[in-house]
Amino acid sequence: MKKLSVIIMHKLPNRVRLKLSEPIKSFETFRENVTKDSESIELKYSPVTKSVVATFNPEKVNLQEAICLLYTSPSPRDVEES
């Protein structure tokens, strides 16, 4: 099994774009896992580029917390279709 790698492609104080080595099987489930404890994060996913853009309110969530939430949610490979 290949390891999942995540590359920070771009970051701003209120936004970060991550490139994933594997596609997300169910983006809705992935989004729920990431945002269940923090409604201050919005996610967009491009299956073509396998990238996730997270936009957040830096007054509620800082950049490091947003990256940590994205990185520590269940692996996109492990998220099953609903």
N, C-alpha and C. Protein backbone atom coordinates (compact mmCIF):
# COMPACT_ATOMS: atom_id res chain seq x y z
N MET A 1 0.84 -1.17 0.00
CA MET A 1 0.00 0.00 0.00
C MET A 1 0.89 1.25 0.00
N LYS A 2 0.54 2.19 -0.88
CA LYS A 2 1.31 3.42 -0.95
C LYS A 2 0.97 4.32 0.23
N LYS A 3 1.97 5.07 0.68
CA LYS A 3 1.75 6.04 1.74
C LYS A 3 1.09 7.28 1.16
N LEU A 4 0.23 7.87 1.95
CA LEU A 4 -0.39 9.13 1.55
C LEU A 4 0.60 10.25 1.80
N SER A 5 0.82 11.07 0.79
CA SER A 5 1.65 12.24 1.01
C SER A 5 0.81 13.49 0.77
N VAL A 6 1.10 14.51 1.55
CA VAL A 6 0.38 15.78 1.49
C VAL A 6 1.42 16.88 1.33
N ILE A 7 1.22 17.71 0.32
CA ILE A 7 2.14 18.82 0.05
C ILE A 7 1.38 20.13 0.18
N ILE A 8 1.92 21.07 0.94
CA ILE A 8 1.33 22.40 1.03
C ILE A 8 1.74 23.15 -0.23
N MET A 9 0.77 23.43 -1.08
CA MET A 9 1.04 24.09 -2.35
C MET A 9 1.04 25.61 -2.21
N HIS A 10 0.18 26.10 -1.32
CA HIS A 10 0.00 27.54 -1.20
C HIS A 10 -0.62 27.82 0.16
N LYS A 11 -0.19 28.89 0.81
CA LYS A 11 -0.82 29.23 2.08
C LYS A 11 -0.88 30.74 2.26
N LEU A 12 -1.97 31.16 2.84
CA LEU A 12 -2.22 32.54 3.23
C LEU A 12 -2.74 32.50 4.66
N PRO A 13 -2.83 33.63 5.35
CA PRO A 13 -3.33 33.60 6.73
C PRO A 13 -4.72 32.99 6.88
N ASN A 14 -5.55 33.03 5.82
CA ASN A 14 -6.91 32.50 5.93
C ASN A 14 -7.22 31.37 4.94
N ARG A 15 -6.19 30.86 4.25
CA ARG A 15 -6.43 29.82 3.25
C ARG A 15 -5.18 28.98 3.04
N VAL A 16 -5.40 27.69 2.76
CA VAL A 16 -4.28 26.80 2.45
C VAL A 16 -4.74 25.82 1.38
N ARG A 17 -3.85 25.52 0.42
CA ARG A 17 -4.13 24.52 -0.62
C ARG A 17 -3.16 23.36 -0.42
N LEU A 18 -3.73 22.16 -0.31
CA LEU A 18 -2.95 20.95 -0.13
C LEU A 18 -3.11 20.04 -1.33
N LYS A 19 -2.02 19.48 -1.78
CA LYS A 19 -2.02 18.50 -2.87
C LYS A 19 -1.89 17.12 -2.25
N LEU A 20 -2.80 16.22 -2.61
CA LEU A 20 -2.81 14.86 -2.07
C LEU A 20 -2.26 13.88 -3.10
N SER A 21 -1.58 12.87 -2.63
CA SER A 21 -1.05 11.86 -3.55
C SER A 21 -2.12 10.85 -3.97
N GLU A 22 -3.19 10.76 -3.20
CA GLU A 22 -4.29 9.83 -3.48
C GLU A 22 -5.60 10.60 -3.53
N PRO A 23 -6.54 10.17 -4.36
CA PRO A 23 -7.83 10.85 -4.41
C PRO A 23 -8.67 10.56 -3.16
N ILE A 24 -9.59 11.45 -2.89
CA ILE A 24 -10.53 11.26 -1.79
C ILE A 24 -11.70 10.46 -2.33
N LYS A 25 -12.05 9.35 -1.66
CA LYS A 25 -13.13 8.51 -2.14
C LYS A 25 -14.49 9.18 -1.96
N SER A 26 -14.69 9.80 -0.81
CA SER A 26 -15.96 10.48 -0.54
C SER A 26 -15.64 11.83 0.10
N PHE A 27 -15.72 12.87 -0.70
CA PHE A 27 -15.38 14.19 -0.19
C PHE A 27 -16.35 14.64 0.90
N GLU A 28 -17.63 14.30 0.77
CA GLU A 28 -18.61 14.70 1.79
C GLU A 28 -18.25 14.12 3.17
N THR A 29 -17.87 12.86 3.20
CA THR A 29 -17.47 12.23 4.46
C THR A 29 -16.19 12.85 4.98
N PHE A 30 -15.24 13.10 4.10
CA PHE A 30 -13.98 13.74 4.49
C PHE A 30 -14.26 15.12 5.08
N ARG A 31 -15.13 15.90 4.41
CA ARG A 31 -15.47 17.23 4.89
C ARG A 31 -16.12 17.17 6.28
N GLU A 32 -17.03 16.21 6.47
CA GLU A 32 -17.67 16.05 7.78
C GLU A 32 -16.65 15.73 8.86
N ASN A 33 -15.68 14.88 8.56
CA ASN A 33 -14.64 14.53 9.53
C ASN A 33 -13.79 15.73 9.91
N VAL A 34 -13.48 16.57 8.93
CA VAL A 34 -12.63 17.73 9.18
C VAL A 34 -13.38 18.83 9.93
N THR A 35 -14.64 19.06 9.54
CA THR A 35 -15.38 20.21 10.08
C THR A 35 -16.26 19.89 11.28
N LYS A 36 -16.30 18.64 11.74
CA LYS A 36 -17.21 18.30 12.83
C LYS A 36 -16.90 19.05 14.12
N ASP A 37 -15.64 19.36 14.38
CA ASP A 37 -15.27 20.10 15.59
C ASP A 37 -15.03 21.58 15.32
N SER A 38 -15.00 21.97 14.07
CA SER A 38 -14.72 23.35 13.73
C SER A 38 -15.55 23.77 12.53
N GLU A 39 -16.59 24.54 12.77
CA GLU A 39 -17.43 25.01 11.67
C GLU A 39 -16.81 26.24 11.01
N SER A 40 -15.63 26.63 11.44
CA SER A 40 -14.95 27.80 10.89
C SER A 40 -14.12 27.48 9.66
N ILE A 41 -14.17 26.24 9.19
CA ILE A 41 -13.38 25.84 8.03
C ILE A 41 -14.32 25.43 6.90
N GLU A 42 -14.04 25.95 5.71
CA GLU A 42 -14.77 25.54 4.50
C GLU A 42 -13.77 24.83 3.59
N LEU A 43 -14.22 23.74 2.98
CA LEU A 43 -13.34 22.96 2.11
C LEU A 43 -13.87 22.88 0.70
N LYS A 44 -12.96 22.91 -0.26
CA LYS A 44 -13.27 22.65 -1.67
C LYS A 44 -12.26 21.61 -2.15
N TYR A 45 -12.73 20.69 -2.97
CA TYR A 45 -11.87 19.61 -3.46
C TYR A 45 -11.93 19.53 -4.97
N SER A 46 -10.79 19.37 -5.59
CA SER A 46 -10.70 19.16 -7.03
C SER A 46 -10.19 17.74 -7.28
N PRO A 47 -11.06 16.85 -7.75
CA PRO A 47 -10.59 15.48 -8.02
C PRO A 47 -9.60 15.41 -9.17
N VAL A 48 -9.64 16.37 -10.07
CA VAL A 48 -8.71 16.37 -11.21
C VAL A 48 -7.28 16.60 -10.73
N THR A 49 -7.10 17.59 -9.85
CA THR A 49 -5.75 17.90 -9.36
C THR A 49 -5.44 17.24 -8.02
N LYS A 50 -6.44 16.57 -7.43
CA LYS A 50 -6.31 15.95 -6.10
C LYS A 50 -5.83 16.98 -5.07
N SER A 51 -6.47 18.15 -5.08
CA SER A 51 -6.09 19.19 -4.13
C SER A 51 -7.29 19.64 -3.33
N VAL A 52 -7.01 20.04 -2.10
CA VAL A 52 -8.03 20.54 -1.18
C VAL A 52 -7.67 21.98 -0.83
N VAL A 53 -8.66 22.86 -0.93
CA VAL A 53 -8.48 24.24 -0.48
C VAL A 53 -9.32 24.42 0.77
N ALA A 54 -8.66 24.82 1.84
CA ALA A 54 -9.35 25.10 3.09
C ALA A 54 -9.32 26.60 3.33
N THR A 55 -10.51 27.18 3.51
CA THR A 55 -10.65 28.59 3.84
C THR A 55 -11.19 28.65 5.25
N PHE A 56 -10.62 29.53 6.05
CA PHE A 56 -11.01 29.57 7.47
C PHE A 56 -10.88 30.99 8.01
N ASN A 57 -11.52 31.21 9.14
CA ASN A 57 -11.46 32.49 9.83
C ASN A 57 -10.25 32.45 10.76
N PRO A 58 -9.20 33.25 10.48
CA PRO A 58 -7.99 33.19 11.30
C PRO A 58 -8.19 33.68 12.74
N GLU A 59 -9.33 34.34 13.01
CA GLU A 59 -9.62 34.75 14.39
C GLU A 59 -10.09 33.56 15.22
N LYS A 60 -10.61 32.51 14.56
CA LYS A 60 -11.10 31.32 15.25
C LYS A 60 -10.19 30.11 15.09
N VAL A 61 -9.53 30.01 13.93
CA VAL A 61 -8.65 28.88 13.63
C VAL A 61 -7.39 29.44 12.99
N ASN A 62 -6.24 29.11 13.55
CA ASN A 62 -5.02 29.60 12.91
C ASN A 62 -4.55 28.61 11.84
N LEU A 63 -3.59 29.02 11.06
CA LEU A 63 -3.12 28.21 9.93
C LEU A 63 -2.65 26.83 10.37
N GLN A 64 -1.89 26.76 11.46
CA GLN A 64 -1.37 25.48 11.93
C GLN A 64 -2.51 24.54 12.35
N GLU A 65 -3.54 25.08 13.01
CA GLU A 65 -4.68 24.26 13.41
C GLU A 65 -5.43 23.73 12.18
N ALA A 66 -5.60 24.57 11.17
CA ALA A 66 -6.30 24.14 9.96
C ALA A 66 -5.53 23.02 9.27
N ILE A 67 -4.23 23.15 9.14
CA ILE A 67 -3.42 22.11 8.51
C ILE A 67 -3.49 20.83 9.33
N CYS A 68 -3.41 20.96 10.63
CA CYS A 68 -3.48 19.78 11.51
C CYS A 68 -4.83 19.07 11.37
N LEU A 69 -5.92 19.82 11.32
CA LEU A 69 -7.25 19.22 11.14
C LEU A 69 -7.33 18.45 9.82
N LEU A 70 -6.79 19.03 8.77
CA LEU A 70 -6.82 18.36 7.47
C LEU A 70 -5.94 17.11 7.46
N TYR A 71 -4.78 17.23 8.06
CA TYR A 71 -3.82 16.13 8.02
C TYR A 71 -4.20 14.97 8.92
N THR A 72 -4.86 15.25 10.04
CA THR A 72 -5.16 14.19 11.00
C THR A 72 -6.55 13.60 10.85
N SER A 73 -7.34 14.12 9.92
CA SER A 73 -8.63 13.47 9.67
C SER A 73 -8.32 12.13 9.01
N PRO A 74 -9.30 11.21 8.98
CA PRO A 74 -9.01 9.91 8.36
C PRO A 74 -8.44 10.07 6.95
N SER A 75 -7.53 9.19 6.62
CA SER A 75 -6.89 9.22 5.31
C SER A 75 -7.95 9.22 4.20
N PRO A 76 -7.78 10.05 3.18
CA PRO A 76 -8.74 10.05 2.08
C PRO A 76 -8.94 8.68 1.45
N ARG A 77 -7.93 7.83 1.47
CA ARG A 77 -8.08 6.47 0.94
C ARG A 77 -8.99 5.63 1.81
N ASP A 78 -9.01 5.94 3.13
CA ASP A 78 -9.76 5.12 4.07
C ASP A 78 -11.21 5.56 4.22
N VAL A 79 -11.55 6.71 3.71
CA VAL A 79 -12.91 7.21 3.82
C VAL A 79 -13.76 6.50 2.76
N GLU A 80 -14.73 5.73 3.22
CA GLU A 80 -15.55 4.94 2.32
C GLU A 80 -16.73 5.75 1.79
N GLU A 81 -17.22 5.34 0.65
CA GLU A 81 -18.41 5.96 0.08
C GLU A 81 -19.60 5.72 1.00
N SER A 82 -20.48 6.70 1.09
CA SER A 82 -21.69 6.55 1.92
C SER A 82 -22.75 5.76 1.19
